[in-house]
C-alpha cells in the first residue's frame, strides 16, 4: 500500500458530478484541482450498508473541506452508471457536491495497493494529499467499520499547520515547540 511520503499515482477516471441530465459525468484526473489539497476516500461497493453513511457525512462536511482549500473525491470500483443510479436511489446521496470516481478497472485502487486480498473490492481507505501530490495521511479500515470524517478534518487541520501537533490536537489549540 502507498503511504505517507509517496506520490499519488496519476489517474484519469470518469466521475459522477451531478444528477442533472446531460451533466452527470466528468473526467477527473490527478491533475484536477491544481494547488489544492485532496481528500481521496474509497468505499467497497455501491448499494451497500456502511458506505452511504460515510459518503453522506463527507457530503455534509464537503464545504468544511473546501474552507480548508481541500477537495473531496470519493471512489469505488463501481461504474459511473452504478454511482448515478445509487445517487438517484438513495436520499442521503442525491445532493452530493463532490465527485464519485468510477475505478471500474481497479487501476487507481491497485496502484494505491488498497484492494481486499480475497474480495477484490477497494478497502475503506482514506488519503490526504498535499497540493504537490504527496500523500500526507493514509488510513485503511476493515470492510465492516466506517471511518470518522471529523478525524479526517482534524488531521487535515493539523497537516496544514506544518507544525508539531500533540495527541488530540484540534484547530485553535497550541502546537508544540521543538526543544
Protein backbone atom coordinates (compact mmCIF):
# COMPACT_ATOMS: atom_id res chain seq x y z
CA UNK A 1 0.00 0.00 0.00
CA UNK A 2 1.22 3.50 -0.77
CA UNK A 3 1.67 5.58 2.33
CA UNK A 4 2.88 8.89 3.74
CA UNK A 5 5.57 10.45 1.57
CA UNK A 6 4.59 8.58 -1.60
CA UNK A 7 3.35 10.40 -4.68
CA UNK A 8 -0.32 9.94 -5.53
CA UNK A 9 -0.39 7.84 -8.73
CA UNK A 10 -1.52 9.54 -11.91
CA UNK A 11 -5.10 8.69 -12.81
CA UNK A 12 -7.87 9.61 -15.22
CA UNK A 13 -11.32 8.42 -14.19
CA UNK A 14 -14.91 9.21 -15.07
CA UNK A 15 -16.88 10.61 -12.15
CA UNK A 16 -20.48 11.38 -11.34
CA UNK A 17 -20.59 15.10 -10.58
CA UNK A 18 -24.29 15.88 -10.98
CA UNK A 19 -27.72 14.35 -11.37
CA UNK A 20 -28.70 16.95 -13.98
CA UNK A 21 -29.46 15.37 -17.37
CA UNK A 22 -26.52 15.77 -19.74
CA UNK A 23 -24.17 17.00 -16.99
CA UNK A 24 -23.86 13.83 -14.92
CA UNK A 25 -20.30 12.81 -15.83
CA UNK A 26 -16.90 14.47 -15.90
CA UNK A 27 -13.35 13.23 -16.30
CA UNK A 28 -11.28 13.77 -13.16
CA UNK A 29 -7.51 13.34 -13.20
CA UNK A 30 -4.67 13.50 -10.73
CA UNK A 31 -4.03 17.00 -12.15
CA UNK A 32 -7.56 18.23 -11.40
CA UNK A 33 -7.78 20.83 -8.65
CA UNK A 34 -4.25 22.25 -9.00
CA UNK A 35 -2.88 23.90 -5.88
CA UNK A 36 -5.50 22.22 -3.68
CA UNK A 37 -5.28 19.55 -1.02
CA UNK A 38 -7.21 16.40 -1.93
CA UNK A 39 -9.06 14.07 0.39
CA UNK A 40 -9.47 10.84 -1.54
CA UNK A 41 -11.59 8.15 0.07
CA UNK A 42 -12.64 4.74 -1.18
CA UNK A 43 -15.58 2.53 -0.28
CA UNK A 44 -16.00 -1.14 -1.28
CA UNK A 45 -19.24 -1.14 -3.33
CA UNK A 46 -22.30 0.94 -4.08
CA UNK A 47 -25.73 -0.16 -2.82
CA UNK A 48 -24.28 -1.42 0.46
CA UNK A 49 -24.87 -0.53 4.10
CA UNK A 50 -21.93 1.20 5.81
CA UNK A 51 -20.82 3.06 2.67
CA UNK A 52 -23.72 5.53 2.34
CA UNK A 53 -23.28 6.64 5.95
CA UNK A 54 -19.68 7.65 5.20
CA UNK A 55 -20.41 9.17 1.80
CA UNK A 56 -23.32 11.20 3.20
CA UNK A 57 -21.14 12.51 6.05
CA UNK A 58 -18.35 13.53 3.65
CA UNK A 59 -21.10 15.25 1.64
CA UNK A 60 -22.39 17.14 4.69
CA UNK A 61 -18.84 18.23 5.51
CA UNK A 62 -17.67 18.98 1.92
CA UNK A 63 -17.81 22.74 2.49
CA UNK A 64 -15.69 22.35 5.64
CA UNK A 65 -13.04 20.69 3.47
CA UNK A 66 -13.33 23.40 0.81
CA UNK A 67 -12.94 26.04 3.52
CA UNK A 68 -9.55 24.39 4.15
CA UNK A 69 -8.60 24.57 0.45
CA UNK A 70 -9.23 20.83 0.03
CA UNK A 71 -11.36 18.92 -2.45
CA UNK A 72 -13.10 15.68 -1.52
CA UNK A 73 -13.00 12.85 -4.05
CA UNK A 74 -14.88 9.62 -3.38
CA UNK A 75 -14.24 6.38 -5.27
CA UNK A 76 -15.20 2.75 -5.57
CA UNK A 77 -14.75 0.01 -8.16
CA UNK A 78 -18.29 0.54 -9.45
CA UNK A 79 -19.01 2.24 -12.78
CA UNK A 80 -20.19 5.82 -13.13
CA UNK A 81 -23.59 4.44 -14.16
CA UNK A 82 -23.93 2.48 -10.92
CA UNK A 83 -22.81 5.58 -8.97
CA UNK A 84 -25.50 7.65 -10.71
CA UNK A 85 -28.19 5.02 -10.11
CA UNK A 86 -27.23 4.90 -6.42
CA UNK A 87 -27.32 8.68 -6.11
CA UNK A 88 -30.74 8.74 -7.76
CA UNK A 89 -31.98 5.93 -5.49
CA UNK A 90 -30.56 6.91 -2.07
CA UNK A 91 -31.99 10.03 -0.39
CA UNK A 92 -28.75 10.79 1.50
CA UNK A 93 -26.69 10.76 -1.71
CA UNK A 94 -28.88 12.82 -4.04
CA UNK A 95 -27.22 16.19 -3.36
CA UNK A 96 -23.54 15.28 -3.04
CA UNK A 97 -21.20 18.11 -4.01
CA UNK A 98 -18.09 16.04 -4.65
CA UNK A 99 -17.20 13.66 -7.50
CA UNK A 100 -17.82 9.93 -7.21
CA UNK A 101 -14.94 8.38 -9.16
CA UNK A 102 -15.51 5.16 -11.10
CA UNK A 103 -12.43 2.94 -10.70
CA UNK A 104 -14.06 0.15 -12.68
CA UNK A 105 -10.76 -1.29 -13.98
CA UNK A 106 -9.30 -1.03 -10.45
CA UNK A 107 -6.38 0.99 -11.81
CA UNK A 108 -6.20 3.57 -9.02
CA UNK A 109 -7.11 1.21 -6.20
CA UNK A 110 -4.48 -1.26 -7.47
CA UNK A 111 -1.83 1.45 -7.78
CA UNK A 112 -2.59 2.53 -4.22
CA UNK A 113 -2.50 -1.08 -3.02
CA UNK A 114 -5.90 -1.00 -1.33
CA UNK A 115 -7.76 -3.92 -2.90
CA UNK A 116 -9.10 -6.51 -0.47
CA UNK A 117 -6.99 -9.65 -0.92
CA UNK A 118 -9.90 -12.07 -1.28
CA UNK A 119 -12.94 -9.98 -2.22
CA UNK A 120 -11.18 -7.75 -4.80
CA UNK A 121 -13.07 -4.63 -3.71
CA UNK A 122 -11.47 -1.41 -2.51
CA UNK A 123 -10.90 -1.26 1.22
CA UNK A 124 -12.18 1.73 3.21
CA UNK A 125 -9.05 3.76 2.53
CA UNK A 126 -8.59 7.49 3.07
CA UNK A 127 -5.71 9.58 1.75
CA UNK A 128 -4.94 13.23 2.37
CA UNK A 129 -2.77 14.52 -0.47
CA UNK A 130 -0.98 17.87 -0.36
CA UNK A 131 -1.03 20.38 -3.26
CA UNK A 132 2.21 18.87 -4.62
CA UNK A 133 0.58 15.44 -4.93
CA UNK A 134 2.34 13.86 -1.94
CA UNK A 135 0.35 11.58 0.36
CA UNK A 136 0.48 13.11 3.85
CA UNK A 137 -2.04 10.79 5.57
CA UNK A 138 -3.20 7.25 4.82
CA UNK A 139 -5.72 5.17 6.72
CA UNK A 140 -7.46 1.90 5.95
CA UNK A 141 -10.41 0.38 7.80
CA UNK A 142 -11.84 -3.11 7.66
CA UNK A 143 -14.81 -3.52 5.33
CA UNK A 144 -17.27 -3.57 8.23
CA UNK A 145 -16.08 -0.39 10.01
CA UNK A 146 -16.92 3.13 8.88
CA UNK A 147 -14.41 5.94 9.22
CA UNK A 148 -14.67 9.16 11.23
CA UNK A 149 -14.96 12.20 8.94
CA UNK A 150 -14.33 14.56 11.85
CA UNK A 151 -10.95 12.88 12.39
CA UNK A 152 -10.08 13.34 8.71
CA UNK A 153 -10.85 17.06 9.08
CA UNK A 154 -8.82 17.26 12.29
CA UNK A 155 -5.87 15.56 10.58
CA UNK A 156 -6.10 17.93 7.61
CA UNK A 157 -6.09 20.89 10.00
CA UNK A 158 -3.00 19.52 11.75
CA UNK A 159 -1.16 18.86 8.49
CA UNK A 160 -1.91 22.36 7.27
CA UNK A 161 -0.28 23.94 10.34
CA UNK A 162 3.05 22.46 9.22
CA UNK A 163 3.91 22.36 12.93
CA UNK A 164 4.15 19.76 15.67
CA UNK A 165 0.64 18.85 16.85
CA UNK A 166 0.22 16.85 20.07
CA UNK A 167 -2.19 13.98 20.69
CA UNK A 168 -5.86 15.05 20.38
CA UNK A 169 -4.84 18.45 18.97
CA UNK A 170 -7.70 20.44 17.47
CA UNK A 171 -7.70 23.56 15.31
CA UNK A 172 -7.05 26.55 17.56
CA UNK A 173 -5.10 24.54 20.15
CA UNK A 174 -1.44 25.44 20.67
CA UNK A 175 1.17 23.47 18.75
CA UNK A 176 4.44 22.22 20.23
CA UNK A 177 7.85 23.85 20.09
CA UNK A 178 10.84 21.62 19.34
CA UNK A 179 13.20 21.62 22.31
